[in-house]
Amino acid sequence: VCVHTHRATRGYPTDIDLIVSEQGYGANSFIETHRPLVVITGPGPGSGKLATCLSQLYAEHQRGVNAGYAKFETFPIWNLPLKHPVNVAYEAATADLADVNLIDPFHLEAYGETAVNYNRDIQAYPLLTRILGRIAGGSSPYKSPTDMGVNRAGFGIVDDSAVRQAAAQEVIRRYFRYNCEYAVGLAPKETVQRAELLMEELEVRSNDRPVVDPARRAAAEAEAKRNGKGNEGIYCGAALALADGRVVTGKNSPLLHASSSLVLNALKALADIPDRIALLAPAIIDSITSLKRHLGTTSASLDVEETLIALGVSATQNPVAQLAIEKLGELRGCEMHLTHMPTPGDDAGLRRLGLNLTSDPNFATKSLFIA
């Protein structure tokens, strides 16, 4: 694999003469391409996509190739209203970047049409259009930052009501995510507050997510009854909405995490297996918990990854367990909520199952040190 490095551009962002010169973009190596259309992608914002494009444009024009630039950016959707839930969901998704949707003033002035863009693109446009004009040796072909985009997503909406509901749910999911990130020190309080304001803007609450209240009720019921549920004084609840609309719940215990209990209960529901029938062989559970204790694990309760392994081993002797395994694929895409943040083993297992998970910002253990 041929690897190229992109240097810090000298003079950026104010000295256009230096930026568009051999000491600026010209200092980067030229990436040879062999197709008329080249897509440059990256892991996220600020990853160097635009800088790479502009550097390549400069190099191509120096070689007599009249190359152009456009960006494919799905959100915000320029031809939806500024406060449409889809565009609000974009703000929620980038709350950690403090992105704000705005009416594109350049597009409005040039065409007399309202178009939605976001603050970083609008702020960068005057500089970017000057750079593009200098590279091309004339004026920029674009009259607005919206002009630079290739986005037909808005024309693909055939059920606006469904899209609005889905967007509102995405805002709620982001709210839970930021709360958990704040709890573990990965996000500032301002990001959480930003998500809260966006929820207020859409007039939705956290428990408008259908699986939230059932999960919280499951935890409260476990604590109230204390019939073998809970572990080390902590009572966790989990809920999952199946594709047919049924909501299944799970609770933690000394044997299973709430997520593990939920997955097994969901598989039973999908396979029409009576609740009284055990999917995991007791000997296998005992063997795994014994191994965990020998390894010095403080809790012998099985997380989702361990539970799936136990289910796979049990299936060699239990055809009912095999029937449950055959239903695992039907969990993909289902919505799930936990009253406590998942452990690494739960998180990895639930991701592998393809569940859309949210959780309350509560710790599932009193021991917060992870070796």
Protein backbone atom coordinates (compact mmCIF):
# COMPACT_ATOMS: atom_id res chain seq x y z
CA VAL A 1 0.00 0.00 0.00
CA CYS A 2 1.40 3.36 -1.02
CA VAL A 3 1.22 5.85 1.86
CA HIS A 4 1.33 9.63 1.44
CA THR A 5 1.65 12.19 4.22
CA HIS A 6 -0.05 15.58 4.24
CA ARG A 7 1.98 18.34 5.82
CA ALA A 8 0.62 21.29 7.76
CA THR A 9 -0.18 23.86 5.06
CA ARG A 10 2.04 26.90 5.37
CA GLY A 11 0.15 30.20 5.57
CA TYR A 12 -3.21 28.57 6.28
CA PRO A 13 -5.77 30.06 6.62
CA THR A 14 -4.95 33.70 5.81
CA ASP A 15 -2.03 33.82 3.36
CA ILE A 16 -3.66 32.69 0.09
CA ASP A 17 -0.51 33.42 -1.92
CA LEU A 18 1.51 31.06 0.26
CA ILE A 19 -1.22 28.42 0.57
CA VAL A 20 -1.65 28.12 -3.20
CA SER A 21 2.03 27.81 -4.02
CA GLU A 22 4.83 25.27 -4.17
CA GLN A 23 5.58 26.02 -0.51
CA GLY A 24 1.93 25.44 0.48
CA TYR A 25 -0.13 22.76 -1.27
CA GLY A 26 2.78 22.07 -3.58
CA ALA A 27 4.85 20.76 -0.66
CA ASN A 28 2.63 17.68 -0.50
CA SER A 29 3.33 14.66 -2.66
CA PHE A 30 1.07 14.15 -5.68
CA ILE A 31 -1.24 11.14 -5.38
CA GLU A 32 -1.51 9.54 -8.80
CA THR A 33 -5.01 8.43 -9.78
CA HIS A 34 -6.27 6.62 -12.87
CA ARG A 35 -10.04 7.19 -12.82
CA PRO A 36 -12.02 10.29 -13.81
CA LEU A 37 -13.88 10.32 -10.48
CA VAL A 38 -11.97 9.95 -7.21
CA VAL A 39 -13.68 9.63 -3.82
CA ILE A 40 -11.78 10.77 -0.75
CA THR A 41 -13.20 9.61 2.56
CA GLY A 42 -12.08 9.68 6.18
CA PRO A 43 -12.99 8.54 9.70
CA GLY A 44 -14.83 11.71 10.67
CA PRO A 45 -14.71 15.51 10.90
CA GLY A 46 -11.31 17.16 10.87
CA SER A 47 -9.66 14.10 9.34
CA GLY A 48 -8.11 15.95 6.39
CA LYS A 49 -10.52 15.15 3.55
CA LEU A 50 -10.87 18.74 2.33
CA ALA A 51 -7.16 19.49 2.71
CA THR A 52 -6.30 16.41 0.65
CA CYS A 53 -8.79 17.41 -2.05
CA LEU A 54 -7.43 20.95 -2.30
CA SER A 55 -3.83 19.74 -2.38
CA GLN A 56 -4.72 17.34 -5.20
CA LEU A 57 -6.61 20.07 -7.08
CA TYR A 58 -3.53 22.27 -6.95
CA ALA A 59 -1.30 19.45 -8.20
CA GLU A 60 -3.70 18.51 -11.02
CA HIS A 61 -4.00 22.10 -12.25
CA GLN A 62 -0.22 22.45 -12.19
CA ARG A 63 -0.18 19.46 -14.55
CA GLY A 64 -2.75 21.03 -16.87
CA VAL A 65 -5.70 18.94 -15.67
CA ASN A 66 -8.85 21.00 -15.08
CA ALA A 67 -9.95 19.02 -12.01
CA GLY A 68 -12.93 20.03 -9.89
CA TYR A 69 -14.17 19.44 -6.37
CA ALA A 70 -17.54 18.64 -4.83
CA LYS A 71 -18.52 17.14 -1.49
CA PHE A 72 -21.02 14.44 -0.64
CA GLU A 73 -22.48 15.26 2.74
CA THR A 74 -25.81 13.80 3.81
CA PHE A 75 -26.59 16.10 6.72
CA PRO A 76 -27.93 18.65 7.20
CA ILE A 77 -30.34 18.15 4.31
CA TRP A 78 -30.29 21.46 2.47
CA ASN A 79 -33.85 21.41 1.10
CA LEU A 80 -35.61 20.45 4.34
CA PRO A 81 -36.75 23.14 6.81
CA LEU A 82 -34.12 24.39 9.23
CA LYS A 83 -35.97 22.89 12.22
CA HIS A 84 -37.06 19.65 10.56
CA PRO A 85 -36.38 16.77 13.01
CA VAL A 86 -33.87 15.24 10.58
CA ASN A 87 -31.77 18.40 10.64
CA VAL A 88 -32.19 18.67 14.41
CA ALA A 89 -30.96 15.06 14.66
CA TYR A 90 -27.82 16.12 12.77
CA GLU A 91 -27.20 18.80 15.39
CA ALA A 92 -27.65 16.15 18.09
CA ALA A 93 -25.19 13.85 16.32
CA THR A 94 -22.59 16.63 16.28
CA ALA A 95 -23.38 18.19 19.66
CA ASP A 96 -19.83 17.35 20.75
CA LEU A 97 -18.56 19.50 17.86
CA ALA A 98 -21.04 22.30 18.64
CA ASP A 99 -22.32 22.27 15.05
CA VAL A 100 -25.30 24.54 14.44
CA ASN A 101 -27.58 24.48 11.40
CA LEU A 102 -28.05 27.83 9.68
CA ILE A 103 -29.69 29.30 6.61
CA ASP A 104 -26.96 29.60 3.98
CA PRO A 105 -26.70 33.40 3.45
CA PHE A 106 -24.56 33.02 0.32
CA HIS A 107 -27.12 30.74 -1.34
CA LEU A 108 -29.95 33.08 -0.40
CA GLU A 109 -28.12 36.05 -1.89
CA ALA A 110 -27.09 34.26 -5.08
CA TYR A 111 -30.36 32.48 -5.89
CA GLY A 112 -33.04 33.94 -3.64
CA GLU A 113 -33.62 30.42 -2.30
CA THR A 114 -33.50 29.19 1.29
CA ALA A 115 -31.02 26.37 1.87
CA VAL A 116 -29.81 24.80 5.11
CA ASN A 117 -26.13 24.36 5.86
CA TYR A 118 -24.07 24.29 9.03
CA ASN A 119 -21.85 26.83 10.72
CA ARG A 120 -18.44 25.36 9.88
CA ASP A 121 -19.14 25.19 6.14
CA ILE A 122 -20.61 28.69 6.08
CA GLN A 123 -17.69 30.12 8.04
CA ALA A 124 -15.14 28.41 5.79
CA TYR A 125 -16.81 29.35 2.49
CA PRO A 126 -15.23 32.81 1.90
CA LEU A 127 -11.75 31.37 2.35
CA LEU A 128 -12.49 28.19 0.41
CA THR A 129 -13.94 29.99 -2.60
CA ARG A 130 -10.86 32.23 -2.77
CA ILE A 131 -8.57 29.18 -2.66
CA LEU A 132 -10.57 27.40 -5.38
CA GLY A 133 -10.50 30.51 -7.55
CA ARG A 134 -6.75 30.89 -7.11
CA ILE A 135 -6.11 27.22 -7.94
CA ALA A 136 -8.25 27.43 -11.09
CA GLY A 137 -6.69 30.71 -12.13
CA GLY A 138 -10.01 32.54 -12.18
CA SER A 139 -13.13 32.62 -10.08
CA SER A 140 -14.67 29.83 -8.03
CA PRO A 141 -17.41 27.86 -9.83
CA TYR A 142 -19.49 27.88 -6.64
CA LYS A 143 -21.67 30.73 -5.41
CA SER A 144 -22.44 29.19 -2.01
CA PRO A 145 -21.29 26.36 0.27
CA THR A 146 -24.56 24.57 -0.55
CA ASP A 147 -23.54 24.68 -4.23
CA MET A 148 -20.52 22.54 -3.38
CA GLY A 149 -22.63 19.70 -2.06
CA VAL A 150 -24.08 16.64 -3.78
CA ASN A 151 -27.13 15.74 -1.73
CA ARG A 152 -30.40 14.26 -2.99
CA ALA A 153 -31.44 12.70 0.32
CA GLY A 154 -34.35 15.08 0.82
CA PHE A 155 -35.93 13.94 -2.45
CA GLY A 156 -35.83 10.33 -1.24
CA ILE A 157 -38.24 10.91 1.66
CA VAL A 158 -41.56 9.24 0.83
CA ASP A 159 -43.02 9.15 4.37
CA ASP A 160 -42.23 12.37 6.20
CA SER A 161 -44.07 11.29 9.35
CA ALA A 162 -41.97 8.13 9.69
CA VAL A 163 -38.79 10.11 9.08
CA ARG A 164 -39.74 12.67 11.73
CA GLN A 165 -40.39 9.94 14.29
CA ALA A 166 -37.11 8.19 13.48
CA ALA A 167 -35.21 11.48 13.76
CA ALA A 168 -36.74 12.21 17.16
CA GLN A 169 -35.69 8.75 18.35
CA GLU A 170 -32.15 9.43 17.15
CA VAL A 171 -32.02 12.63 19.21
CA ILE A 172 -33.08 10.64 22.30
CA ARG A 173 -30.43 7.99 21.61
CA ARG A 174 -27.77 10.70 21.34
CA TYR A 175 -28.97 12.19 24.62
CA PHE A 176 -28.42 8.87 26.42
CA ARG A 177 -25.04 8.42 24.76
CA TYR A 178 -23.77 11.84 25.81
CA ASN A 179 -25.01 11.31 29.37
CA CYS A 180 -23.02 8.08 29.60
CA GLU A 181 -19.94 9.70 28.06
CA TYR A 182 -20.22 12.51 30.60
CA ALA A 183 -20.52 9.98 33.44
CA VAL A 184 -17.20 8.36 32.46
CA GLY A 185 -15.46 11.65 31.72
CA LEU A 186 -15.47 11.48 27.91
CA ALA A 187 -17.80 14.41 27.23
CA PRO A 188 -18.33 17.81 28.84
CA LYS A 189 -21.57 18.80 30.54
CA GLU A 190 -22.21 21.31 27.75
CA THR A 191 -22.67 18.48 25.24
CA VAL A 192 -25.35 16.90 27.43
CA GLN A 193 -27.07 20.25 27.86
CA ARG A 194 -26.99 20.81 24.12
CA ALA A 195 -28.75 17.46 23.57
CA GLU A 196 -31.32 18.35 26.22
CA LEU A 197 -32.12 21.62 24.45
CA LEU A 198 -32.59 19.80 21.15
CA MET A 199 -35.00 17.36 22.82
CA GLU A 200 -36.96 20.29 24.20
CA GLU A 201 -37.00 21.80 20.72
CA LEU A 202 -38.66 18.63 19.39
CA GLU A 203 -40.85 18.33 22.51
CA VAL A 204 -39.68 14.80 23.29
CA ARG A 205 -38.55 13.21 26.54
CA SER A 206 -36.12 10.41 27.28
CA ASN A 207 -38.92 7.95 28.06
CA ASP A 208 -40.50 8.57 24.66
CA ARG A 209 -38.08 5.84 23.65
CA PRO A 210 -40.41 2.81 24.05
CA VAL A 211 -37.89 0.52 25.78
CA VAL A 212 -36.86 2.97 28.51
CA ASP A 213 -39.79 2.66 30.93
CA PRO A 214 -40.00 -1.17 30.72
CA ALA A 215 -36.29 -1.43 31.58
CA ARG A 216 -36.66 0.92 34.53
CA ARG A 217 -39.74 -0.94 35.76
CA ALA A 218 -37.84 -4.24 35.57
CA ALA A 219 -35.06 -2.81 37.76
CA ALA A 220 -37.54 -1.35 40.24
CA GLU A 221 -39.45 -4.64 40.42
CA ALA A 222 -36.24 -6.59 41.04
CA GLU A 223 -35.30 -4.28 43.89
CA ALA A 224 -38.79 -4.36 45.40
CA LYS A 225 -39.19 -8.15 45.33
CA ARG A 226 -35.54 -9.20 45.74
CA ASN A 227 -36.47 -12.76 44.72
CA GLY A 228 -33.00 -13.87 43.73
CA LYS A 229 -32.50 -10.87 41.46
CA GLY A 230 -29.89 -8.17 41.74
CA ASN A 231 -26.21 -8.65 42.43
CA GLU A 232 -24.09 -7.14 45.20
CA GLY A 233 -26.82 -4.63 46.03
CA ILE A 234 -27.26 -3.34 42.47
CA TYR A 235 -30.47 -3.97 40.56
CA CYS A 236 -30.29 -3.63 36.78
CA GLY A 237 -33.12 -3.81 34.29
CA ALA A 238 -33.08 -4.27 30.52
CA ALA A 239 -35.76 -4.12 27.84
CA LEU A 240 -35.82 -4.97 24.14
CA ALA A 241 -38.49 -4.32 21.51
CA LEU A 242 -38.86 -7.21 19.08
CA ALA A 243 -39.73 -6.62 15.43
CA ASP A 244 -43.33 -7.74 16.05
CA GLY A 245 -43.81 -5.07 18.74
CA ARG A 246 -43.44 -7.29 21.80
CA VAL A 247 -41.24 -5.89 24.57
CA VAL A 248 -39.10 -8.37 26.51
CA THR A 249 -37.33 -7.56 29.76
CA GLY A 250 -34.45 -8.95 31.79
CA LYS A 251 -32.96 -8.44 35.26
CA ASN A 252 -29.53 -9.04 36.68
CA SER A 253 -28.76 -11.79 39.17
CA PRO A 254 -25.71 -13.48 40.72
CA LEU A 255 -25.65 -15.73 37.61
CA LEU A 256 -26.42 -13.36 34.73
CA HIS A 257 -26.09 -9.71 33.81
CA ALA A 258 -29.38 -8.00 32.95
CA SER A 259 -28.30 -7.89 29.27
CA SER A 260 -27.58 -11.62 29.29
CA SER A 261 -30.93 -12.41 30.89
CA LEU A 262 -32.65 -10.19 28.33
CA VAL A 263 -30.99 -11.86 25.34
CA LEU A 264 -32.00 -15.31 26.58
CA ASN A 265 -35.57 -14.17 27.28
CA ALA A 266 -35.80 -12.58 23.83
CA LEU A 267 -34.60 -15.78 22.15
CA LYS A 268 -37.18 -17.77 24.11
CA ALA A 269 -39.90 -15.37 22.97
CA LEU A 270 -38.82 -15.62 19.33
CA ALA A 271 -38.56 -19.42 19.41
CA ASP A 272 -41.75 -19.92 21.49
CA ILE A 273 -39.75 -21.65 24.21
CA PRO A 274 -41.55 -21.74 27.59
CA ASP A 275 -39.92 -19.57 30.24
CA ARG A 276 -39.47 -22.52 32.62
CA ILE A 277 -37.09 -24.30 30.21
CA ALA A 278 -33.42 -23.49 30.85
CA LEU A 279 -31.27 -22.77 27.79
CA LEU A 280 -27.93 -22.98 29.59
CA ALA A 281 -26.79 -26.23 31.16
CA PRO A 282 -26.10 -25.71 34.90
CA ALA A 283 -22.80 -27.59 34.61
CA ILE A 284 -21.59 -25.18 31.93
CA ILE A 285 -22.57 -22.13 34.00
CA ASP A 286 -20.78 -23.61 37.01
CA SER A 287 -17.67 -24.30 34.93
CA ILE A 288 -17.50 -20.74 33.56
CA THR A 289 -18.16 -19.08 36.92
CA SER A 290 -15.54 -21.32 38.56
CA LEU A 291 -13.01 -20.32 35.90
CA LYS A 292 -13.80 -16.63 36.45
CA ARG A 293 -13.23 -16.98 40.19
CA HIS A 294 -9.90 -18.74 39.59
CA LEU A 295 -8.91 -15.81 37.37
CA GLY A 296 -9.69 -13.40 40.18
CA THR A 297 -12.85 -11.87 38.68
CA THR A 298 -14.82 -10.12 41.41
CA SER A 299 -18.22 -11.09 39.96
CA ALA A 300 -19.08 -14.53 38.61
CA SER A 301 -22.20 -13.22 36.83
CA LEU A 302 -22.04 -13.90 33.08
CA ASP A 303 -21.91 -11.03 30.61
CA VAL A 304 -23.39 -11.27 27.10
CA GLU A 305 -20.24 -12.60 25.42
CA GLU A 306 -19.85 -15.31 28.08
CA THR A 307 -23.55 -16.14 27.87
CA LEU A 308 -23.38 -16.60 24.10
CA ILE A 309 -20.40 -18.94 24.51
CA ALA A 310 -22.31 -20.90 27.16
CA LEU A 311 -25.33 -21.06 24.83
CA GLY A 312 -23.17 -22.40 22.00
CA VAL A 313 -21.67 -25.10 24.21
CA SER A 314 -25.10 -26.01 25.62
CA ALA A 315 -26.45 -26.47 22.09
CA THR A 316 -24.20 -29.53 21.62
CA GLN A 317 -26.38 -31.41 24.11
CA ASN A 318 -29.60 -29.38 24.17
CA PRO A 319 -31.63 -29.06 20.93
CA VAL A 320 -33.72 -26.30 22.52
CA ALA A 321 -30.57 -24.20 22.91
CA GLN A 322 -29.83 -24.81 19.23
CA LEU A 323 -33.33 -23.59 18.38
CA ALA A 324 -32.61 -20.40 20.33
CA ILE A 325 -29.30 -19.90 18.50
CA GLU A 326 -31.13 -20.05 15.18
CA LYS A 327 -33.14 -16.99 16.29
CA LEU A 328 -30.11 -14.81 17.05
CA GLY A 329 -30.29 -13.12 13.64
CA GLU A 330 -33.77 -11.81 14.41
CA LEU A 331 -32.37 -9.61 17.17
CA ARG A 332 -30.40 -7.49 14.70
CA GLY A 333 -31.75 -3.95 14.47
CA CYS A 334 -33.94 -4.23 17.58
CA GLU A 335 -34.05 -1.35 20.08
CA MET A 336 -32.75 -2.00 23.60
CA HIS A 337 -32.29 -0.04 26.81
CA LEU A 338 -30.36 -0.73 30.02
CA THR A 339 -30.77 1.01 33.36
CA HIS A 340 -27.00 0.76 33.88
CA MET A 341 -24.08 1.22 31.52
CA PRO A 342 -22.96 -2.05 29.91
CA THR A 343 -19.71 -3.72 30.89
CA PRO A 344 -17.13 -4.25 28.11
CA GLY A 345 -18.28 -7.87 27.71
CA ASP A 346 -21.91 -6.80 27.45
CA ASP A 347 -21.14 -3.99 25.03
CA ALA A 348 -19.10 -6.22 22.71
CA GLY A 349 -21.72 -8.97 22.70
CA LEU A 350 -24.63 -6.61 22.09
CA ARG A 351 -22.79 -4.90 19.24
CA ARG A 352 -22.12 -8.28 17.66
CA LEU A 353 -25.84 -9.03 17.86
CA GLY A 354 -26.58 -5.74 16.09
CA LEU A 355 -28.78 -4.24 18.81
CA ASN A 356 -29.40 -0.49 18.99
CA LEU A 357 -28.49 0.09 22.63
CA THR A 358 -29.00 3.01 24.98
CA SER A 359 -28.47 3.08 28.72
CA ASP A 360 -28.98 5.29 31.73
CA PRO A 361 -25.74 6.82 33.07
CA ASN A 362 -25.53 4.49 36.08
CA PHE A 363 -22.60 2.20 36.89
CA ALA A 364 -23.40 -1.52 37.09
CA THR A 365 -20.84 -2.14 39.82
CA LYS A 366 -19.56 -0.49 42.97
CA SER A 367 -16.00 -1.30 41.89
CA LEU A 368 -15.14 1.26 39.21
CA PHE A 369 -11.48 0.31 38.84
CA ILE A 370 -10.79 -1.72 35.69
CA ALA A 371 -7.39 -3.40 35.55
